[in-house]
Amino acid sequence: MDASRPDAPAGAPVDGGGTPVPTPAHDAHDDRAHGWSAALRTVAAYVALTKPRVIELLLITTIPTMFLAAGGFPPLGLVVATLVGGAGAAGAANTLNQYLDRDIDEVMNRTRRRPIVTGRITPRAALVFGLVLGAVSLAWLWFAVNPASAVFTAAAILIYVVGYTMILKRRTPQNIVWGGAAGCMPVVIGWSAVTGGVSWSAVLLFGVVFFWTPPHYWPLSMKFRRDYAAAGVPMLPVVAADTRVAREMIAYTLAMIACSLLLVPVAGMTWVYAAVAAALGGWFLWLCVGLLCRARDPQHPPLRAMTVFHGSITYLTLLSVAIAVDVFLPL
């Protein structure tokens, strides 16, 4: 240290003339900002584990079902409690699905950016998160809604995690048909939340979603068939010709339309719902027939499978809206 510069702190860097060189100050605010940013990224990764877009689609069918079961507006607290518990349970099932399928997700381009594959969440942390979220959701439904809803929700988790992910997905081309039954359970859960049980109306709503699932998911599998083939997952579009897949989609769509129209006499729906259900069903059937025609065309035009996929989401959304609105029509 230069004795002629008593203002220079010990150990501070100095220039050739002995003048202290300023050093950057340690900013605690930057540390806090970095900490918050890291925390938000971690939260976002856990949210991604739950597949929130899938949960949104499941909840779309729950609310109209509750309206129909109640014959009007069910208690708001009951609706909120059911949606919170259902969303948590679905998120738990999706998290456990990603934990079990992490080897497949790593191979597929569509899924290789999921949190476990990228290392944002460790497999152990994902497993613990999924189990805890599932247990809390079931307890919530048991005490905040009713035991019947909790039991049906537990069944949905088991069907998806054990039946579909662990048993069916890697073994049979019909995996999504039977495993997709888990996605039908929200209508049963919503109905039982209001009534404490099920009825033929709930069974028909279950049928609508059950038969809707293959023509909803198989077009997505067509687009990503190379991914599924590379991962060794025998989705029907991977192991069968497009014409066969399209024919089966048409058969399931016809069964779906039949269930939606049977709601008219069984649930006492009005002619407005009947007209909307018939129009929506006819439109979606036309999309599936168009897919079959393109698959048969010797010129091999683009299949436009994703048009059918997005159409299936539009169909289910609008049908659910029609069910909810029809309850309040004075007809």
C-alpha atoms as a PDB file:
ATOM      1  CA  MET A   1       0.000   0.000   0.000  1.00  0.00           C
ATOM      2  CA  ASP A   2       1.222   3.493  -0.860  1.00  0.00           C
ATOM      3  CA  ALA A   3       1.780   5.377   2.420  1.00  0.00           C
ATOM      4  CA  SER A   4       1.202   8.625   0.563  1.00  0.00           C
ATOM      5  CA  ARG A   5      -2.363   7.528  -0.222  1.00  0.00           C
ATOM      6  CA  PRO A   6      -3.913   6.924   3.204  1.00  0.00           C
ATOM      7  CA  ASP A   7      -7.406   6.914   1.642  1.00  0.00           C
ATOM      8  CA  ALA A   8      -6.739   3.685  -0.266  1.00  0.00           C
ATOM      9  CA  PRO A   9      -8.111   0.714   1.667  1.00  0.00           C
ATOM     10  CA  ALA A  10      -5.771  -2.149   2.407  1.00  0.00           C
ATOM     11  CA  GLY A  11      -5.785  -4.691  -0.400  1.00  0.00           C
ATOM     12  CA  ALA A  12      -7.521  -2.359  -2.898  1.00  0.00           C
ATOM     13  CA  PRO A  13      -6.099  -2.403  -6.445  1.00  0.00           C
ATOM     14  CA  VAL A  14      -4.196   0.742  -7.441  1.00  0.00           C
ATOM     15  CA  ASP A  15      -3.061   2.144 -10.781  1.00  0.00           C
ATOM     16  CA  GLY A  16       0.504   3.059 -11.690  1.00  0.00           C
ATOM     17  CA  GLY A  17       0.170   6.407  -9.945  1.00  0.00           C
ATOM     18  CA  GLY A  18      -1.081   4.882  -6.731  1.00  0.00           C
ATOM     19  CA  THR A  19      -4.704   5.892  -7.340  1.00  0.00           C
ATOM     20  CA  PRO A  20      -7.218   3.290  -6.111  1.00  0.00           C
ATOM     21  CA  VAL A  21      -9.138   1.534  -8.890  1.00  0.00           C
ATOM     22  CA  PRO A  22     -12.898   1.223  -8.093  1.00  0.00           C
ATOM     23  CA  THR A  23     -14.277  -2.310  -7.885  1.00  0.00           C
ATOM     24  CA  PRO A  24     -17.910  -3.333  -8.583  1.00  0.00           C
ATOM     25  CA  ALA A  25     -20.050  -3.342  -5.469  1.00  0.00           C
ATOM     26  CA  HIS A  26     -21.862  -6.556  -4.511  1.00  0.00           C
ATOM     27  CA  ASP A  27     -25.562  -5.847  -5.147  1.00  0.00           C
ATOM     28  CA  ALA A  28     -27.881  -7.771  -2.818  1.00  0.00           C
ATOM     29  CA  HIS A  29     -30.795  -6.743  -5.028  1.00  0.00           C
ATOM     30  CA  ASP A  30     -29.267  -8.689  -7.950  1.00  0.00           C
ATOM     31  CA  ASP A  31     -28.983 -11.767  -5.739  1.00  0.00           C
ATOM     32  CA  ARG A  32     -32.623 -11.499  -4.736  1.00  0.00           C
ATOM     33  CA  ALA A  33     -33.702 -11.019  -8.345  1.00  0.00           C
ATOM     34  CA  HIS A  34     -31.690 -14.054  -9.407  1.00  0.00           C
ATOM     35  CA  GLY A  35     -33.203 -16.075  -6.584  1.00  0.00           C
ATOM     36  CA  TRP A  36     -36.730 -15.107  -7.566  1.00  0.00           C
ATOM     37  CA  SER A  37     -36.018 -15.912 -11.205  1.00  0.00           C
ATOM     38  CA  ALA A  38     -34.693 -19.358 -10.308  1.00  0.00           C
ATOM     39  CA  ALA A  39     -37.697 -20.008  -8.059  1.00  0.00           C
ATOM     40  CA  LEU A  40     -40.136 -19.014 -10.810  1.00  0.00           C
ATOM     41  CA  ARG A  41     -38.388 -21.321 -13.286  1.00  0.00           C
ATOM     42  CA  THR A  42     -38.684 -24.181 -10.824  1.00  0.00           C
ATOM     43  CA  VAL A  43     -42.382 -23.493 -10.237  1.00  0.00           C
ATOM     44  CA  ALA A  44     -42.937 -23.336 -13.996  1.00  0.00           C
ATOM     45  CA  ALA A  45     -41.218 -26.704 -14.381  1.00  0.00           C
ATOM     46  CA  TYR A  46     -43.480 -28.314 -11.781  1.00  0.00           C
ATOM     47  CA  VAL A  47     -46.534 -26.776 -13.456  1.00  0.00           C
ATOM     48  CA  ALA A  48     -45.363 -28.218 -16.782  1.00  0.00           C
ATOM     49  CA  LEU A  49     -45.214 -31.664 -15.152  1.00  0.00           C
ATOM     50  CA  THR A  50     -48.973 -31.504 -14.578  1.00  0.00           C
ATOM     51  CA  LYS A  51     -49.741 -30.868 -18.300  1.00  0.00           C
ATOM     52  CA  PRO A  52     -52.062 -27.893 -17.678  1.00  0.00           C
ATOM     53  CA  ARG A  53     -53.453 -27.878 -21.242  1.00  0.00           C
ATOM     54  CA  VAL A  54     -54.693 -31.439 -20.765  1.00  0.00           C
ATOM     55  CA  ILE A  55     -56.254 -30.451 -17.437  1.00  0.00           C
ATOM     56  CA  GLU A  56     -58.113 -27.586 -19.120  1.00  0.00           C
ATOM     57  CA  LEU A  57     -59.755 -30.018 -21.534  1.00  0.00           C
ATOM     58  CA  LEU A  58     -60.784 -32.328 -18.697  1.00  0.00           C
ATOM     59  CA  LEU A  59     -62.352 -29.488 -16.721  1.00  0.00           C
ATOM     60  CA  ILE A  60     -64.318 -28.361 -19.780  1.00  0.00           C
ATOM     61  CA  THR A  61     -66.448 -31.493 -19.435  1.00  0.00           C
ATOM     62  CA  THR A  62     -66.806 -31.298 -15.653  1.00  0.00           C
ATOM     63  CA  ILE A  63     -68.650 -27.986 -15.311  1.00  0.00           C
ATOM     64  CA  PRO A  64     -71.484 -28.691 -17.816  1.00  0.00           C
ATOM     65  CA  THR A  65     -71.950 -32.105 -16.236  1.00  0.00           C
ATOM     66  CA  MET A  66     -72.427 -30.487 -12.837  1.00  0.00           C
ATOM     67  CA  PHE A  67     -74.964 -28.055 -14.319  1.00  0.00           C
ATOM     68  CA  LEU A  68     -76.893 -30.931 -15.882  1.00  0.00           C
ATOM     69  CA  ALA A  69     -76.803 -32.985 -12.688  1.00  0.00           C
ATOM     70  CA  ALA A  70     -78.065 -30.033 -10.652  1.00  0.00           C
ATOM     71  CA  GLY A  71     -80.656 -28.971 -13.215  1.00  0.00           C
ATOM     72  CA  GLY A  72     -79.274 -25.447 -12.931  1.00  0.00           C
ATOM     73  CA  PHE A  73     -76.489 -23.720 -11.039  1.00  0.00           C
ATOM     74  CA  PRO A  74     -74.877 -26.002  -8.447  1.00  0.00           C
ATOM     75  CA  PRO A  75     -73.454 -24.326  -5.338  1.00  0.00           C
ATOM     76  CA  LEU A  76     -70.431 -22.261  -6.335  1.00  0.00           C
ATOM     77  CA  GLY A  77     -68.361 -23.637  -3.465  1.00  0.00           C
ATOM     78  CA  LEU A  78     -69.038 -27.178  -4.631  1.00  0.00           C
ATOM     79  CA  VAL A  79     -68.008 -26.347  -8.185  1.00  0.00           C
ATOM     80  CA  VAL A  80     -64.765 -24.718  -7.032  1.00  0.00           C
ATOM     81  CA  ALA A  81     -63.957 -27.575  -4.660  1.00  0.00           C
ATOM     82  CA  THR A  82     -64.578 -30.153  -7.388  1.00  0.00           C
ATOM     83  CA  LEU A  83     -62.474 -28.295  -9.945  1.00  0.00           C
ATOM     84  CA  VAL A  84     -59.595 -27.794  -7.512  1.00  0.00           C
ATOM     85  CA  GLY A  85     -59.586 -31.442  -6.495  1.00  0.00           C
ATOM     86  CA  GLY A  86     -60.024 -32.664 -10.061  1.00  0.00           C
ATOM     87  CA  ALA A  87     -57.260 -30.439 -11.406  1.00  0.00           C
ATOM     88  CA  GLY A  88     -54.896 -31.569  -8.662  1.00  0.00           C
ATOM     89  CA  ALA A  89     -55.650 -35.245  -9.263  1.00  0.00           C
ATOM     90  CA  ALA A  90     -55.227 -34.886 -13.020  1.00  0.00           C
ATOM     91  CA  GLY A  91     -51.960 -33.045 -12.464  1.00  0.00           C
ATOM     92  CA  ALA A  92     -50.755 -35.846 -10.195  1.00  0.00           C
ATOM     93  CA  ALA A  93     -51.612 -38.493 -12.788  1.00  0.00           C
ATOM     94  CA  ASN A  94     -49.860 -36.511 -15.526  1.00  0.00           C
ATOM     95  CA  THR A  95     -46.781 -36.062 -13.347  1.00  0.00           C
ATOM     96  CA  LEU A  96     -46.562 -39.784 -12.614  1.00  0.00           C
ATOM     97  CA  ASN A  97     -47.061 -40.461 -16.326  1.00  0.00           C
ATOM     98  CA  GLN A  98     -44.027 -38.289 -17.131  1.00  0.00           C
ATOM     99  CA  TYR A  99     -42.012 -39.997 -14.407  1.00  0.00           C
ATOM    100  CA  LEU A 100     -42.761 -43.454 -15.823  1.00  0.00           C
ATOM    101  CA  ASP A 101     -42.372 -42.403 -19.461  1.00  0.00           C
ATOM    102  CA  ARG A 102     -39.172 -40.386 -19.074  1.00  0.00           C
ATOM    103  CA  ASP A 103     -37.242 -42.858 -21.243  1.00  0.00           C
ATOM    104  CA  ILE A 104     -39.811 -42.504 -24.038  1.00  0.00           C
ATOM    105  CA  ASP A 105     -39.984 -38.729 -23.648  1.00  0.00           C
ATOM    106  CA  GLU A 106     -36.224 -38.512 -24.124  1.00  0.00           C
ATOM    107  CA  VAL A 107     -36.488 -40.195 -27.539  1.00  0.00           C
ATOM    108  CA  MET A 108     -39.504 -38.317 -28.911  1.00  0.00           C
ATOM    109  CA  ASN A 109     -39.023 -34.851 -30.407  1.00  0.00           C
ATOM    110  CA  ARG A 110     -42.451 -33.799 -29.147  1.00  0.00           C
ATOM    111  CA  THR A 111     -41.600 -34.531 -25.514  1.00  0.00           C
ATOM    112  CA  ARG A 112     -37.854 -34.156 -25.146  1.00  0.00           C
ATOM    113  CA  ARG A 113     -38.218 -30.678 -23.629  1.00  0.00           C
ATOM    114  CA  ARG A 114     -40.280 -31.920 -20.687  1.00  0.00           C
ATOM    115  CA  PRO A 115     -38.890 -31.037 -17.242  1.00  0.00           C
ATOM    116  CA  ILE A 116     -37.577 -34.475 -16.252  1.00  0.00           C
ATOM    117  CA  VAL A 117     -35.863 -35.023 -19.599  1.00  0.00           C
ATOM    118  CA  THR A 118     -34.134 -31.636 -19.510  1.00  0.00           C
ATOM    119  CA  GLY A 119     -33.065 -32.110 -15.897  1.00  0.00           C
ATOM    120  CA  ARG A 120     -35.033 -29.169 -14.523  1.00  0.00           C
ATOM    121  CA  ILE A 121     -36.797 -31.640 -12.214  1.00  0.00           C
ATOM    122  CA  THR A 122     -35.156 -34.846 -10.997  1.00  0.00           C
ATOM    123  CA  PRO A 123     -37.092 -38.124 -11.383  1.00  0.00           C
ATOM    124  CA  ARG A 124     -37.190 -38.550  -7.603  1.00  0.00           C
ATOM    125  CA  ALA A 125     -38.585 -35.062  -7.077  1.00  0.00           C
ATOM    126  CA  ALA A 126     -41.215 -35.649  -9.761  1.00  0.00           C
ATOM    127  CA  LEU A 127     -42.262 -38.940  -8.189  1.00  0.00           C
ATOM    128  CA  VAL A 128     -42.601 -37.393  -4.733  1.00  0.00           C
ATOM    129  CA  PHE A 129     -44.477 -34.414  -6.152  1.00  0.00           C
ATOM    130  CA  GLY A 130     -46.913 -36.638  -8.072  1.00  0.00           C
ATOM    131  CA  LEU A 131     -47.629 -38.916  -5.102  1.00  0.00           C
ATOM    132  CA  VAL A 132     -48.090 -36.043  -2.652  1.00  0.00           C
ATOM    133  CA  LEU A 133     -50.277 -34.057  -5.055  1.00  0.00           C
ATOM    134  CA  GLY A 134     -52.422 -37.121  -5.694  1.00  0.00           C
ATOM    135  CA  ALA A 135     -52.858 -37.881  -2.001  1.00  0.00           C
ATOM    136  CA  VAL A 136     -53.723 -34.282  -1.155  1.00  0.00           C
ATOM    137  CA  SER A 137     -56.207 -34.073  -4.037  1.00  0.00           C
ATOM    138  CA  LEU A 138     -58.001 -37.250  -3.022  1.00  0.00           C
ATOM    139  CA  ALA A 139     -58.185 -36.108   0.609  1.00  0.00           C
ATOM    140  CA  TRP A 140     -59.515 -32.743  -0.550  1.00  0.00           C
ATOM    141  CA  LEU A 141     -62.249 -34.349  -2.638  1.00  0.00           C
ATOM    142  CA  TRP A 142     -63.179 -36.763   0.163  1.00  0.00           C
ATOM    143  CA  PHE A 143     -63.702 -34.024   2.751  1.00  0.00           C
ATOM    144  CA  ALA A 144     -64.576 -30.965   0.621  1.00  0.00           C
ATOM    145  CA  VAL A 145     -66.848 -32.703  -1.912  1.00  0.00           C
ATOM    146  CA  ASN A 146     -67.885 -36.265  -1.038  1.00  0.00           C
ATOM    147  CA  PRO A 147     -66.411 -39.783  -0.781  1.00  0.00           C
ATOM    148  CA  ALA A 148     -67.963 -40.932  -4.078  1.00  0.00           C
ATOM    149  CA  SER A 149     -66.100 -38.282  -6.053  1.00  0.00           C
ATOM    150  CA  ALA A 150     -62.856 -39.164  -4.295  1.00  0.00           C
ATOM    151  CA  VAL A 151     -63.304 -42.859  -5.123  1.00  0.00           C
ATOM    152  CA  PHE A 152     -64.019 -42.152  -8.810  1.00  0.00           C
ATOM    153  CA  THR A 153     -61.005 -39.838  -8.919  1.00  0.00           C
ATOM    154  CA  ALA A 154     -58.770 -42.522  -7.422  1.00  0.00           C
ATOM    155  CA  ALA A 155     -60.047 -44.905 -10.094  1.00  0.00           C
ATOM    156  CA  ALA A 156     -59.178 -42.371 -12.799  1.00  0.00           C
ATOM    157  CA  ILE A 157     -55.617 -42.026 -11.497  1.00  0.00           C
ATOM    158  CA  LEU A 158     -55.169 -45.799 -11.390  1.00  0.00           C
ATOM    159  CA  ILE A 159     -56.560 -46.269 -14.901  1.00  0.00           C
ATOM    160  CA  TYR A 160     -54.219 -43.650 -16.333  1.00  0.00           C
ATOM    161  CA  VAL A 161     -51.058 -44.385 -14.381  1.00  0.00           C
ATOM    162  CA  VAL A 162     -51.282 -48.159 -14.003  1.00  0.00           C
ATOM    163  CA  GLY A 163     -53.698 -49.267 -16.713  1.00  0.00           C
ATOM    164  CA  TYR A 164     -52.553 -46.989 -19.526  1.00  0.00           C
ATOM    165  CA  THR A 165     -48.985 -45.902 -18.742  1.00  0.00           C
ATOM    166  CA  MET A 166     -47.610 -49.044 -17.086  1.00  0.00           C
ATOM    167  CA  ILE A 167     -49.581 -51.831 -18.794  1.00  0.00           C
ATOM    168  CA  LEU A 168     -51.201 -50.842 -22.086  1.00  0.00           C
ATOM    169  CA  LYS A 169     -49.160 -48.065 -23.690  1.00  0.00           C
ATOM    170  CA  ARG A 170     -46.137 -50.153 -24.680  1.00  0.00           C
ATOM    171  CA  ARG A 171     -48.019 -53.377 -25.388  1.00  0.00           C
ATOM    172  CA  THR A 172     -51.096 -52.834 -27.558  1.00  0.00           C
ATOM    173  CA  PRO A 173     -52.290 -50.570 -30.377  1.00  0.00           C
ATOM    174  CA  GLN A 174     -55.566 -50.262 -28.469  1.00  0.00           C
ATOM    175  CA  ASN A 175     -53.767 -48.546 -25.593  1.00  0.00           C
ATOM    176  CA  ILE A 176     -55.512 -45.194 -25.961  1.00  0.00           C
ATOM    177  CA  VAL A 177     -58.949 -46.812 -26.308  1.00  0.00           C
ATOM    178  CA  TRP A 178     -58.971 -48.439 -22.892  1.00  0.00           C
ATOM    179  CA  GLY A 179     -56.467 -46.170 -21.212  1.00  0.00           C
ATOM    180  CA  GLY A 180     -58.487 -43.212 -22.418  1.00  0.00           C
ATOM    181  CA  ALA A 181     -61.228 -44.219 -20.000  1.00  0.00           C
ATOM    182  CA  ALA A 182     -59.353 -42.144 -17.421  1.00  0.00           C
ATOM    183  CA  GLY A 183     -60.151 -39.043 -19.429  1.00  0.00           C
ATOM    184  CA  CYS A 184     -63.854 -39.897 -19.254  1.00  0.00           C
ATOM    185  CA  MET A 185     -63.950 -39.912 -15.473  1.00  0.00           C
ATOM    186  CA  PRO A 186     -64.333 -36.132 -14.952  1.00  0.00           C
ATOM    187  CA  VAL A 187     -67.970 -36.351 -16.089  1.00  0.00           C
ATOM    188  CA  VAL A 188     -68.612 -39.114 -13.570  1.00  0.00           C
ATOM    189  CA  ILE A 189     -66.753 -37.174 -10.880  1.00  0.00           C
ATOM    190  CA  GLY A 190     -68.717 -34.017 -11.657  1.00  0.00           C
ATOM    191  CA  TRP A 191     -72.035 -35.870 -11.595  1.00  0.00           C
ATOM    192  CA  SER A 192     -71.253 -37.656  -8.334  1.00  0.00           C
ATOM    193  CA  ALA A 193     -70.099 -34.384  -6.780  1.00  0.00           C
ATOM    194  CA  VAL A 194     -73.645 -33.037  -7.183  1.00  0.00           C
ATOM    195  CA  THR A 195     -75.724 -36.168  -6.651  1.00  0.00           C
ATOM    196  CA  GLY A 196     -73.504 -38.465  -4.630  1.00  0.00           C
ATOM    197  CA  GLY A 197     -73.799 -41.191  -7.273  1.00  0.00           C
ATOM    198  CA  VAL A 198     -74.210 -41.850 -10.992  1.00  0.00           C
ATOM    199  CA  SER A 199     -77.105 -42.185 -13.406  1.00  0.00           C
ATOM    200  CA  TRP A 200     -77.720 -43.193 -17.020  1.00  0.00           C
ATOM    201  CA  SER A 201     -77.103 -39.597 -18.036  1.00  0.00           C
ATOM    202  CA  ALA A 202     -73.626 -39.768 -16.507  1.00  0.00           C
ATOM    203  CA  VAL A 203     -73.015 -43.080 -18.288  1.00  0.00           C
ATOM    204  CA  LEU A 204     -73.937 -41.507 -21.634  1.00  0.00           C
ATOM    205  CA  LEU A 205     -71.665 -38.531 -20.975  1.00  0.00           C
ATOM    206  CA  PHE A 206     -68.925 -41.017 -20.157  1.00  0.00           C
ATOM    207  CA  GLY A 207     -69.675 -42.727 -23.478  1.00  0.00           C
ATOM    208  CA  VAL A 208     -69.400 -39.476 -25.411  1.00  0.00           C
ATOM    209  CA  VAL A 209     -65.881 -38.822 -24.108  1.00  0.00           C
ATOM    210  CA  PHE A 210     -64.890 -42.510 -24.330  1.00  0.00           C
ATOM    211  CA  PHE A 211     -65.757 -42.799 -28.013  1.00  0.00           C
ATOM    212  CA  TRP A 212     -64.389 -39.320 -28.695  1.00  0.00           C
ATOM    213  CA  THR A 213     -60.914 -40.205 -27.406  1.00  0.00           C
ATOM    214  CA  PRO A 214     -59.594 -42.392 -30.293  1.00  0.00           C
ATOM    215  CA  PRO A 215     -60.558 -39.980 -33.103  1.00  0.00           C
ATOM    216  CA  HIS A 216     -59.091 -37.208 -30.955  1.00  0.00           C
ATOM    217  CA  TYR A 217     -55.749 -38.852 -30.209  1.00  0.00           C
ATOM    218  CA  TRP A 218     -55.025 -40.951 -33.289  1.00  0.00           C
ATOM    219  CA  PRO A 219     -54.623 -37.922 -35.608  1.00  0.00           C
ATOM    220  CA  LEU A 220     -51.944 -36.639 -33.228  1.00  0.00           C
ATOM    221  CA  SER A 221     -50.309 -40.068 -33.385  1.00  0.00           C
ATOM    222  CA  MET A 222     -50.381 -39.869 -37.179  1.00  0.00           C
ATOM    223  CA  LYS A 223     -48.416 -36.639 -37.116  1.00  0.00           C
ATOM    224  CA  PHE A 224     -45.861 -37.991 -34.666  1.00  0.00           C
ATOM    225  CA  ARG A 225     -45.824 -41.633 -35.778  1.00  0.00           C
ATOM    226  CA  ARG A 226     -42.041 -41.590 -36.309  1.00  0.00           C
ATOM    227  CA  ASP A 227     -41.567 -40.473 -32.725  1.00  0.00           C
ATOM    228  CA  TYR A 228     -43.778 -43.256 -31.421  1.00  0.00           C
ATOM    229  CA  ALA A 229     -42.078 -45.805 -33.664  1.00  0.00           C
ATOM    230  CA  ALA A 230     -38.626 -44.705 -32.473  1.00  0.00           C
ATOM    231  CA  ALA A 231     -39.787 -44.995 -28.858  1.00  0.00           C
ATOM    232  CA  GLY A 232     -41.296 -48.438 -29.441  1.00  0.00           C
ATOM    233  CA  VAL A 233     -44.855 -47.353 -28.628  1.00  0.00           C
ATOM    234  CA  PRO A 234     -47.323 -49.307 -30.822  1.00  0.00           C
ATOM    235  CA  MET A 235     -49.922 -46.602 -31.372  1.00  0.00           C
ATOM    236  CA  LEU A 236     -52.438 -47.744 -33.986  1.00  0.00           C
ATOM    237  CA  PRO A 237     -51.200 -45.272 -36.662  1.00  0.00           C
ATOM    238  CA  VAL A 238     -47.697 -46.752 -36.201  1.00  0.00           C
ATOM    239  CA  VAL A 239     -48.689 -50.379 -36.843  1.00  0.00           C
ATOM    240  CA  ALA A 240     -51.731 -50.004 -39.157  1.00  0.00           C
ATOM    241  CA  ALA A 241     -52.458 -48.362 -42.479  1.00  0.00           C
ATOM    242  CA  ASP A 242     -53.955 -44.881 -42.462  1.00  0.00           C
ATOM    243  CA  THR A 243     -57.109 -46.201 -44.109  1.00  0.00           C
ATOM    244  CA  ARG A 244     -57.726 -48.620 -41.246  1.00  0.00           C
ATOM    245  CA  VAL A 245     -57.103 -45.917 -38.657  1.00  0.00           C
ATOM    246  CA  ALA A 246     -59.522 -43.568 -40.420  1.00  0.00           C
ATOM    247  CA  ARG A 247     -62.224 -46.259 -40.647  1.00  0.00           C
ATOM    248  CA  GLU A 248     -61.945 -46.980 -36.939  1.00  0.00           C
ATOM    249  CA  MET A 249     -62.107 -43.258 -36.217  1.00  0.00           C
ATOM    250  CA  ILE A 250     -65.363 -43.070 -38.173  1.00  0.00           C
ATOM    251  CA  ALA A 251     -66.799 -46.027 -36.219  1.00  0.00           C
ATOM    252  CA  TYR A 252     -65.932 -44.425 -32.874  1.00  0.00           C
ATOM    253  CA  THR A 253     -67.319 -41.090 -34.053  1.00  0.00           C
ATOM    254  CA  LEU A 254     -70.655 -42.687 -34.945  1.00  0.00           C
ATOM    255  CA  ALA A 255     -70.833 -44.239 -31.473  1.00  0.00           C
ATOM    256  CA  MET A 256     -69.959 -40.859 -29.954  1.00  0.00           C
ATOM    257  CA  ILE A 257     -72.756 -39.152 -31.879  1.00  0.00           C
ATOM    258  CA  ALA A 258     -75.220 -41.830 -30.782  1.00  0.00           C
ATOM    259  CA  CYS A 259     -74.354 -41.271 -27.105  1.00  0.00           C
ATOM    260  CA  SER A 260     -74.661 -37.503 -27.484  1.00  0.00           C
ATOM    261  CA  LEU A 261     -78.129 -37.822 -29.037  1.00  0.00           C
ATOM    262  CA  LEU A 262     -79.350 -40.401 -26.537  1.00  0.00           C
ATOM    263  CA  LEU A 263     -78.892 -37.706 -23.904  1.00  0.00           C
ATOM    264  CA  VAL A 264     -81.961 -35.984 -25.345  1.00  0.00           C
ATOM    265  CA  PRO A 265     -84.537 -38.524 -24.082  1.00  0.00           C
ATOM    266  CA  VAL A 266     -82.510 -39.807 -21.112  1.00  0.00           C
ATOM    267  CA  ALA A 267     -81.475 -36.443 -19.634  1.00  0.00           C
ATOM    268  CA  GLY A 268     -84.465 -34.474 -20.892  1.00  0.00           C
ATOM    269  CA  MET A 269     -82.468 -32.178 -23.168  1.00  0.00           C
ATOM    270  CA  THR A 270     -84.281 -29.729 -25.439  1.00  0.00           C
ATOM    271  CA  TRP A 271     -84.490 -29.650 -29.222  1.00  0.00           C
ATOM    272  CA  VAL A 272     -81.849 -26.896 -29.187  1.00  0.00           C
ATOM    273  CA  TYR A 273     -79.263 -29.244 -27.728  1.00  0.00           C
ATOM    274  CA  ALA A 274     -80.418 -31.994 -30.086  1.00  0.00           C
ATOM    275  CA  ALA A 275     -79.897 -29.755 -33.110  1.00  0.00           C
ATOM    276  CA  VAL A 276     -76.488 -28.556 -31.923  1.00  0.00           C
ATOM    277  CA  ALA A 277     -75.325 -32.076 -31.038  1.00  0.00           C
ATOM    278  CA  ALA A 278     -76.433 -33.412 -34.424  1.00  0.00           C
ATOM    279  CA  ALA A 279     -74.753 -30.547 -36.296  1.00  0.00           C
ATOM    280  CA  LEU A 280     -71.505 -30.841 -34.357  1.00  0.00           C
ATOM    281  CA  GLY A 281     -71.486 -34.613 -34.737  1.00  0.00           C
ATOM    282  CA  GLY A 282     -72.112 -34.372 -38.475  1.00  0.00           C
ATOM    283  CA  TRP A 283     -69.333 -31.821 -38.864  1.00  0.00           C
ATOM    284  CA  PHE A 284     -66.790 -33.928 -36.976  1.00  0.00           C
ATOM    285  CA  LEU A 285     -67.856 -37.050 -38.887  1.00  0.00           C
ATOM    286  CA  TRP A 286     -67.245 -35.116 -42.099  1.00  0.00           C
ATOM    287  CA  LEU A 287     -63.700 -34.324 -40.908  1.00  0.00           C
ATOM    288  CA  CYS A 288     -63.045 -38.024 -40.275  1.00  0.00           C
ATOM    289  CA  VAL A 289     -64.508 -39.068 -43.629  1.00  0.00           C
ATOM    290  CA  GLY A 290     -62.315 -36.455 -45.305  1.00  0.00           C
ATOM    291  CA  LEU A 291     -59.294 -38.026 -43.611  1.00  0.00           C
ATOM    292  CA  LEU A 292     -60.295 -41.434 -44.949  1.00  0.00           C
ATOM    293  CA  CYS A 293     -60.714 -40.048 -48.470  1.00  0.00           C
ATOM    294  CA  ARG A 294     -57.257 -38.487 -48.379  1.00  0.00           C
ATOM    295  CA  ALA A 295     -55.762 -41.715 -47.040  1.00  0.00           C
ATOM    296  CA  ARG A 296     -57.315 -43.619 -49.953  1.00  0.00           C
ATOM    297  CA  ASP A 297     -56.279 -41.097 -52.597  1.00  0.00           C
ATOM    298  CA  PRO A 298     -53.604 -42.643 -54.878  1.00  0.00           C
ATOM    299  CA  GLN A 299     -52.104 -39.161 -55.325  1.00  0.00           C
ATOM    300  CA  HIS A 300     -51.148 -39.223 -51.615  1.00  0.00           C
ATOM    301  CA  PRO A 301     -52.228 -35.700 -50.680  1.00  0.00           C
ATOM    302  CA  PRO A 302     -51.389 -34.408 -47.176  1.00  0.00           C
ATOM    303  CA  LEU A 303     -53.539 -36.184 -44.597  1.00  0.00           C
ATOM    304  CA  ARG A 304     -54.148 -32.975 -42.621  1.00  0.00           C
ATOM    305  CA  ALA A 305     -54.515 -35.114 -39.511  1.00  0.00           C
ATOM    306  CA  MET A 306     -54.007 -32.157 -37.198  1.00  0.00           C
ATOM    307  CA  THR A 307     -57.112 -30.542 -38.687  1.00  0.00           C
ATOM    308  CA  VAL A 308     -59.074 -33.477 -37.280  1.00  0.00           C
ATOM    309  CA  PHE A 309     -57.200 -33.257 -33.979  1.00  0.00           C
ATOM    310  CA  HIS A 310     -58.036 -29.588 -33.494  1.00  0.00           C
ATOM    311  CA  GLY A 311     -61.567 -30.239 -34.728  1.00  0.00           C
ATOM    312  CA  SER A 312     -62.050 -32.832 -32.007  1.00  0.00           C
ATOM    313  CA  ILE A 313     -61.198 -30.260 -29.334  1.00  0.00           C
ATOM    314  CA  THR A 314     -63.621 -27.779 -30.885  1.00  0.00           C
ATOM    315  CA  TYR A 315     -66.327 -30.454 -30.983  1.00  0.00           C
ATOM    316  CA  LEU A 316     -66.025 -31.401 -27.319  1.00  0.00           C
ATOM    317  CA  THR A 317     -65.800 -27.788 -26.197  1.00  0.00           C
ATOM    318  CA  LEU A 318     -68.904 -26.677 -28.105  1.00  0.00           C
ATOM    319  CA  LEU A 319     -70.881 -29.768 -27.099  1.00  0.00           C
ATOM    320  CA  SER A 320     -70.044 -29.052 -23.454  1.00  0.00           C
ATOM    321  CA  VAL A 321     -71.203 -25.461 -23.867  1.00  0.00           C
ATOM    322  CA  ALA A 322     -74.441 -26.704 -25.453  1.00  0.00           C
ATOM    323  CA  ILE A 323     -75.066 -28.998 -22.468  1.00  0.00           C
ATOM    324  CA  ALA A 324     -74.461 -26.189 -19.982  1.00  0.00           C
ATOM    325  CA  VAL A 325     -76.681 -23.710 -21.834  1.00  0.00           C
ATOM    326  CA  ASP A 326     -79.474 -26.174 -22.540  1.00  0.00           C
ATOM    327  CA  VAL A 327     -80.112 -26.639 -18.822  1.00  0.00           C
ATOM    328  CA  PHE A 328     -81.342 -23.033 -18.579  1.00  0.00           C
ATOM    329  CA  LEU A 329     -83.514 -22.941 -21.702  1.00  0.00           C
ATOM    330  CA  PRO A 330     -87.250 -22.549 -20.917  1.00  0.00           C
ATOM    331  CA  LEU A 331     -88.291 -25.174 -23.454  1.00  0.00           C
END
